[in-house]
Protein backbone atom coordinates (compact mmCIF):
# COMPACT_ATOMS: atom_id res chain seq x y z
CA UNK A 1 -160.87 -21.29 -198.68
CA UNK A 2 -164.36 -19.63 -198.79
CA UNK A 3 -165.99 -18.24 -196.00
CA UNK A 4 -169.53 -20.23 -197.05
CA UNK A 5 -169.84 -23.58 -198.10
CA UNK A 6 -172.76 -23.45 -200.16
CA UNK A 7 -174.76 -26.89 -201.11
CA UNK A 8 -178.35 -27.16 -203.73
CA UNK A 9 -180.18 -29.74 -203.20
CA UNK A 10 -184.18 -30.61 -203.95
CA UNK A 11 -186.15 -31.22 -201.00
CA UNK A 12 -186.15 -35.23 -198.90
CA UNK A 13 -189.58 -36.99 -199.63
CA UNK A 14 -189.02 -38.45 -196.59
CA UNK A 15 -190.85 -37.05 -193.42
CA UNK A 16 -187.20 -37.36 -190.74
CA UNK A 17 -188.10 -38.71 -187.46
CA UNK A 18 -188.57 -35.84 -184.87
CA UNK A 19 -186.10 -36.09 -182.61
CA UNK A 20 -185.74 -34.03 -179.15
CA UNK A 21 -184.22 -30.34 -179.32
CA UNK A 22 -180.52 -30.78 -178.18
CA UNK A 23 -179.50 -28.14 -175.88
CA UNK A 24 -175.98 -26.52 -176.46
CA UNK A 25 -174.20 -25.46 -173.06
CA UNK A 26 -172.26 -22.04 -173.44
CA UNK A 27 -169.03 -21.78 -175.39
CA UNK A 28 -165.64 -21.86 -173.44
CA UNK A 29 -163.52 -18.72 -174.11
CA UNK A 30 -159.98 -18.63 -173.23
CA UNK A 31 -157.81 -15.79 -173.72
CA UNK A 32 -157.27 -16.13 -177.60
CA UNK A 33 -161.17 -15.50 -177.47
CA UNK A 34 -160.85 -12.54 -175.58
CA UNK A 35 -157.96 -11.14 -177.80
CA UNK A 36 -159.59 -11.59 -180.68
CA UNK A 37 -162.98 -10.14 -179.35
CA UNK A 38 -160.75 -6.96 -179.13
CA UNK A 39 -159.82 -6.85 -182.07
CA UNK A 40 -163.08 -7.36 -183.41
CA UNK A 41 -164.98 -4.69 -181.60
CA UNK A 42 -163.17 -1.73 -182.69
CA UNK A 43 -163.69 -3.13 -186.33
CA UNK A 44 -167.06 -3.81 -185.86
CA UNK A 45 -168.25 -0.28 -184.71
CA UNK A 46 -165.70 1.77 -186.79
CA UNK A 47 -168.34 0.56 -190.01
CA UNK A 48 -171.47 1.46 -188.00
CA UNK A 49 -170.13 5.19 -188.07
CA UNK A 50 -168.72 5.13 -191.90
CA UNK A 51 -172.04 3.75 -192.57
CA UNK A 52 -173.93 6.61 -190.18
CA UNK A 53 -172.05 9.34 -192.22
CA UNK A 54 -172.52 7.32 -195.73
CA UNK A 55 -176.29 7.04 -195.39
CA UNK A 56 -176.28 10.89 -194.63
CA UNK A 57 -174.03 11.34 -198.08
CA UNK A 58 -176.44 9.09 -200.08
CA UNK A 59 -179.95 11.04 -199.18
CA UNK A 60 -179.99 12.90 -202.32
CA UNK A 61 -178.70 9.98 -204.52
CA UNK A 62 -181.86 8.04 -203.38
CA UNK A 63 -182.83 4.20 -202.17
CA UNK A 64 -180.66 2.07 -204.89
CA UNK A 65 -177.31 4.45 -202.98
CA UNK A 66 -178.93 3.62 -199.55
CA UNK A 67 -179.18 0.21 -199.93
CA UNK A 68 -175.28 0.13 -201.45
CA UNK A 69 -174.63 1.77 -197.72
CA UNK A 70 -176.37 -1.04 -196.39
CA UNK A 71 -174.50 -3.70 -198.80
CA UNK A 72 -170.91 -2.02 -197.55
CA UNK A 73 -172.20 -1.85 -193.85
CA UNK A 74 -173.55 -5.94 -193.78
CA UNK A 75 -171.11 -7.36 -195.93
CA UNK A 76 -167.49 -5.48 -194.22
CA UNK A 77 -169.13 -7.26 -191.17
CA UNK A 78 -170.02 -10.50 -192.30
CA UNK A 79 -166.27 -10.13 -193.50
CA UNK A 80 -164.88 -9.45 -190.40
CA UNK A 81 -166.69 -12.60 -188.14
CA UNK A 82 -165.02 -14.50 -190.56
CA UNK A 83 -161.41 -13.17 -190.90
CA UNK A 84 -160.87 -12.13 -187.18
CA UNK A 85 -163.09 -14.31 -185.02
CA UNK A 86 -163.09 -17.39 -187.48
CA UNK A 87 -166.94 -17.94 -188.37
CA UNK A 88 -167.17 -20.78 -190.20
CA UNK A 89 -170.66 -20.49 -192.13
CA UNK A 90 -172.38 -23.10 -194.10
CA UNK A 91 -175.60 -22.16 -196.48
CA UNK A 92 -177.68 -25.02 -197.45
CA UNK A 93 -180.43 -24.17 -200.14
CA UNK A 94 -183.25 -26.03 -200.88
CA UNK A 95 -185.38 -25.35 -203.87
CA UNK A 96 -185.12 -22.31 -206.42
CA UNK A 97 -186.62 -18.46 -205.87
CA UNK A 98 -188.07 -17.42 -208.70
CA UNK A 99 -186.99 -14.10 -210.48
CA UNK A 100 -188.57 -10.92 -209.91
CA UNK A 101 -191.51 -12.15 -207.20
CA UNK A 102 -191.44 -10.24 -203.98
CA UNK A 103 -190.29 -12.23 -200.52
CA UNK A 104 -191.03 -12.86 -196.80
CA UNK A 105 -188.53 -13.85 -195.53
CA UNK A 106 -189.61 -15.80 -191.75
CA UNK A 107 -186.47 -16.63 -190.19
CA UNK A 108 -186.06 -18.44 -186.16
CA UNK A 109 -184.06 -15.82 -184.33
CA UNK A 110 -180.51 -16.24 -182.56
CA UNK A 111 -178.42 -13.11 -182.34
CA UNK A 112 -177.97 -9.91 -183.31
CA UNK A 113 -175.56 -10.98 -186.36
CA UNK A 114 -178.87 -12.87 -187.50
CA UNK A 115 -179.77 -9.25 -189.06
CA UNK A 116 -176.23 -9.36 -191.06
CA UNK A 117 -176.58 -12.73 -192.68
CA UNK A 118 -179.51 -12.64 -193.81
CA UNK A 119 -178.82 -8.90 -195.28
CA UNK A 120 -175.68 -10.73 -197.12
CA UNK A 121 -177.78 -14.10 -198.52
CA UNK A 122 -180.35 -12.22 -199.40
CA UNK A 123 -178.85 -8.76 -200.66
CA UNK A 124 -180.15 -9.12 -204.41
CA UNK A 125 -184.31 -8.69 -202.71
CA UNK A 126 -183.07 -5.83 -200.53
CA UNK A 127 -184.65 -6.84 -197.41
CA UNK A 128 -186.50 -4.78 -195.47
CA UNK A 129 -186.89 -5.92 -191.32
CA UNK A 130 -189.90 -5.55 -189.26
CA UNK A 131 -187.92 -4.31 -185.34
CA UNK A 132 -188.62 -3.20 -182.49
CA UNK A 133 -189.15 0.83 -182.36
CA UNK A 134 -186.60 1.40 -180.02
CA UNK A 135 -183.93 0.61 -182.89
CA UNK A 136 -184.92 3.65 -184.37
CA UNK A 137 -183.15 6.06 -182.31
CA UNK A 138 -179.77 6.72 -180.51
CA UNK A 139 -177.96 3.40 -182.67
CA UNK A 140 -174.91 4.84 -185.23
CA UNK A 141 -175.34 3.44 -188.80
CA UNK A 142 -178.73 1.67 -187.48
CA UNK A 143 -180.99 4.04 -186.57
CA UNK A 144 -181.33 5.95 -189.40
CA UNK A 145 -181.43 3.25 -191.78
CA UNK A 146 -184.74 2.01 -189.57
CA UNK A 147 -186.11 5.45 -189.81
CA UNK A 148 -185.48 6.35 -193.64
CA UNK A 149 -184.76 2.22 -195.67
CA UNK A 150 -188.20 1.18 -196.19
CA UNK A 151 -188.11 -0.67 -192.52
CA UNK A 152 -191.00 -1.45 -190.40
CA UNK A 153 -190.81 -0.25 -186.96
CA UNK A 154 -192.83 -1.54 -184.66
CA UNK A 155 -194.73 -0.85 -180.60
CA UNK A 156 -194.60 -4.03 -179.49
CA UNK A 157 -196.81 -2.52 -176.40
CA UNK A 158 -199.38 -0.85 -178.62
CA UNK A 159 -200.74 -3.69 -181.52
CA UNK A 160 -202.54 -1.82 -183.56
CA UNK A 161 -199.38 0.19 -184.15
CA UNK A 162 -197.69 -2.27 -185.12
CA UNK A 163 -200.42 -4.09 -187.33
CA UNK A 164 -200.15 -0.71 -189.36
CA UNK A 165 -196.55 -0.59 -189.71
CA UNK A 166 -196.10 -4.30 -190.56
CA UNK A 167 -199.02 -3.99 -193.19
CA UNK A 168 -197.68 -0.98 -194.99
CA UNK A 169 -194.15 -2.89 -195.57
CA UNK A 170 -196.00 -5.60 -196.92
CA UNK A 171 -198.11 -2.62 -200.02
CA UNK A 172 -194.59 -2.08 -200.37
CA UNK A 173 -192.62 -5.43 -200.59
CA UNK A 174 -195.29 -6.58 -203.46
CA UNK A 175 -194.89 -3.08 -205.26
CA UNK A 176 -191.42 -2.58 -205.59
CA UNK A 177 -191.10 -6.63 -205.83
CA UNK A 178 -187.99 -6.67 -202.93
CA UNK A 179 -187.91 -9.13 -200.28
CA UNK A 180 -189.10 -8.11 -195.98
CA UNK A 181 -187.76 -10.18 -192.69
CA UNK A 182 -189.94 -11.33 -190.10
CA UNK A 183 -188.66 -13.05 -187.24
CA UNK A 184 -192.02 -14.50 -185.75
CA UNK A 185 -190.39 -15.51 -182.95
CA UNK A 186 -190.65 -11.68 -182.08
CA UNK A 187 -187.61 -11.81 -179.76
CA UNK A 188 -184.16 -13.44 -179.50
CA UNK A 189 -184.29 -16.62 -178.59
CA UNK A 190 -181.79 -17.45 -175.61
CA UNK A 191 -179.55 -20.60 -176.77
CA UNK A 192 -181.43 -20.91 -179.78
CA UNK A 193 -184.52 -22.54 -178.31
CA UNK A 194 -187.02 -22.19 -180.46
CA UNK A 195 -189.85 -20.34 -178.98
CA UNK A 196 -193.16 -20.03 -180.72
CA UNK A 197 -194.32 -18.08 -183.45
CA UNK A 198 -196.83 -14.80 -183.23
CA UNK A 199 -199.47 -15.46 -186.24
CA UNK A 200 -200.83 -11.62 -185.85
CA UNK A 201 -197.41 -10.19 -187.63
CA UNK A 202 -197.45 -13.09 -190.01
CA UNK A 203 -201.05 -13.28 -191.22
CA UNK A 204 -201.09 -9.05 -191.94
CA UNK A 205 -198.15 -9.43 -193.94
CA UNK A 206 -199.44 -12.34 -196.24
CA UNK A 207 -202.91 -10.26 -196.27
CA UNK A 208 -201.38 -7.30 -197.50
CA UNK A 209 -198.48 -9.15 -199.86
CA UNK A 210 -200.28 -12.43 -201.20
CA UNK A 211 -198.53 -13.22 -203.96
CA UNK A 212 -195.52 -12.90 -202.62
CA UNK A 213 -193.32 -16.12 -201.96
CA UNK A 214 -192.57 -17.41 -198.06
CA UNK A 215 -188.90 -18.56 -197.63
CA UNK A 216 -188.23 -20.48 -194.66
CA UNK A 217 -185.25 -19.73 -192.99
CA UNK A 218 -183.49 -21.56 -190.12
CA UNK A 219 -180.49 -20.77 -188.45
CA UNK A 220 -178.47 -22.19 -186.10
CA UNK A 221 -174.92 -20.73 -184.25
CA UNK A 222 -175.30 -17.57 -183.85
CA UNK A 223 -176.29 -17.23 -180.48
CA UNK A 224 -172.92 -18.77 -179.50
CA UNK A 225 -171.55 -15.43 -180.76
CA UNK A 226 -173.24 -12.76 -178.30
CA UNK A 227 -173.74 -15.78 -175.48
CA UNK A 228 -171.84 -13.33 -173.65
CA UNK A 229 -173.13 -9.91 -174.73
CA UNK A 230 -170.48 -9.73 -177.02
CA UNK A 231 -167.38 -9.22 -174.35
CA UNK A 232 -166.09 -12.01 -175.47
CA UNK A 233 -166.62 -13.30 -177.81
CA UNK A 234 -165.81 -16.80 -178.99
CA UNK A 235 -163.65 -17.62 -181.78
CA UNK A 236 -164.49 -20.47 -184.47
CA UNK A 237 -167.94 -20.67 -184.17
CA UNK A 238 -170.01 -23.09 -186.87
CA UNK A 239 -172.85 -21.46 -188.12
CA UNK A 240 -175.46 -22.80 -190.32
CA UNK A 241 -178.44 -21.61 -192.24
CA UNK A 242 -181.12 -23.68 -194.10
CA UNK A 243 -183.02 -22.05 -196.80
CA UNK A 244 -185.55 -23.53 -197.34
CA UNK A 245 -187.51 -24.35 -200.19
CA UNK A 246 -190.24 -21.18 -200.77
CA UNK A 247 -193.84 -22.09 -200.66
CA UNK A 248 -197.53 -19.32 -201.78
CA UNK A 249 -199.79 -19.03 -199.56
CA UNK A 250 -202.30 -21.01 -202.09
CA UNK A 251 -200.15 -24.04 -201.05
CA UNK A 252 -201.80 -24.03 -197.62
CA UNK A 253 -206.06 -23.94 -196.73
CA UNK A 254 -205.49 -21.52 -194.13
CA UNK A 255 -202.75 -18.67 -193.21
CA UNK A 256 -202.56 -20.59 -189.71
CA UNK A 257 -201.93 -23.87 -190.83
CA UNK A 258 -199.18 -21.88 -192.87
CA UNK A 259 -198.04 -20.71 -189.55
CA UNK A 260 -197.60 -24.37 -188.19
CA UNK A 261 -196.06 -25.71 -190.99
CA UNK A 262 -193.54 -23.01 -191.26
CA UNK A 263 -192.35 -23.20 -187.23
CA UNK A 264 -193.01 -26.91 -187.70
CA UNK A 265 -190.12 -27.16 -190.39
CA UNK A 266 -187.55 -24.69 -188.91
CA UNK A 267 -187.70 -26.94 -185.57
CA UNK A 268 -186.98 -30.11 -187.59
CA UNK A 269 -184.26 -28.64 -189.25
CA UNK A 270 -182.84 -26.96 -186.29
CA UNK A 271 -183.15 -30.78 -185.14
CA UNK A 272 -181.44 -32.09 -187.84
CA UNK A 273 -178.77 -29.33 -187.58
CA UNK A 274 -177.96 -29.92 -183.29
CA UNK A 275 -178.25 -34.00 -184.49
CA UNK A 276 -176.00 -34.01 -187.25
CA UNK A 277 -173.11 -31.52 -185.16
CA UNK A 278 -173.99 -33.83 -181.45
CA UNK A 279 -173.19 -37.02 -184.22
CA UNK A 280 -169.63 -35.11 -185.27
CA UNK A 281 -168.33 -33.89 -181.99
């Protein structure tokens, strides 16, 4: 059975009835989950150690070789989540993303595994992430990539530095027609509960890359994988990802209207996913 179920459809014309956000309880774990975690974690960290070495070997061969190493790392992690822990990934896609255009991928954030899943789903666009500067030091396979791979490392205590770094990324995305990934909540959401979006970073990114297509992405379920700080990790977790129809800045009267609309889209999609999971339980 394939690890990914993909559904392609056009957006519904009717607005779904607003429903209260369903709270998830922490998943239950047993002996089997502990054993699978003990098997998963050494494999997980071995990929980072291998990537650390390969990234340095790739330096003379340019950014294309560096991107290949990142593909290896993230596709390996995703496959191991599926084959060892039994993660079931379901992906819904709404609309088509035009070819050869810069993208801004705007997603809610539940767990560290969101990065891996988004990278694999948008690997064709060579995604660059906006991340806290602490990730730029001391993490094998991650820190070197964050410093040398064209990502934006921001100091959350220094708003001006953060905006300057996001601006640099925006110009780079516009020039290279790749993708920038931003988590506008600013941090991972506990138990997947959506937080308000921070407008400044989104605004700077859109101002420096005004012709980009914005793709709203809703992720639900990854928080369960790290509910116990990854030790243990529950098995057979259902992860749902909805890739919304791309939109343009010009479709909205203001950037704030765009931010509010994208938050509403992701909140509504979370409601739908959780209501469906609740009714099928």
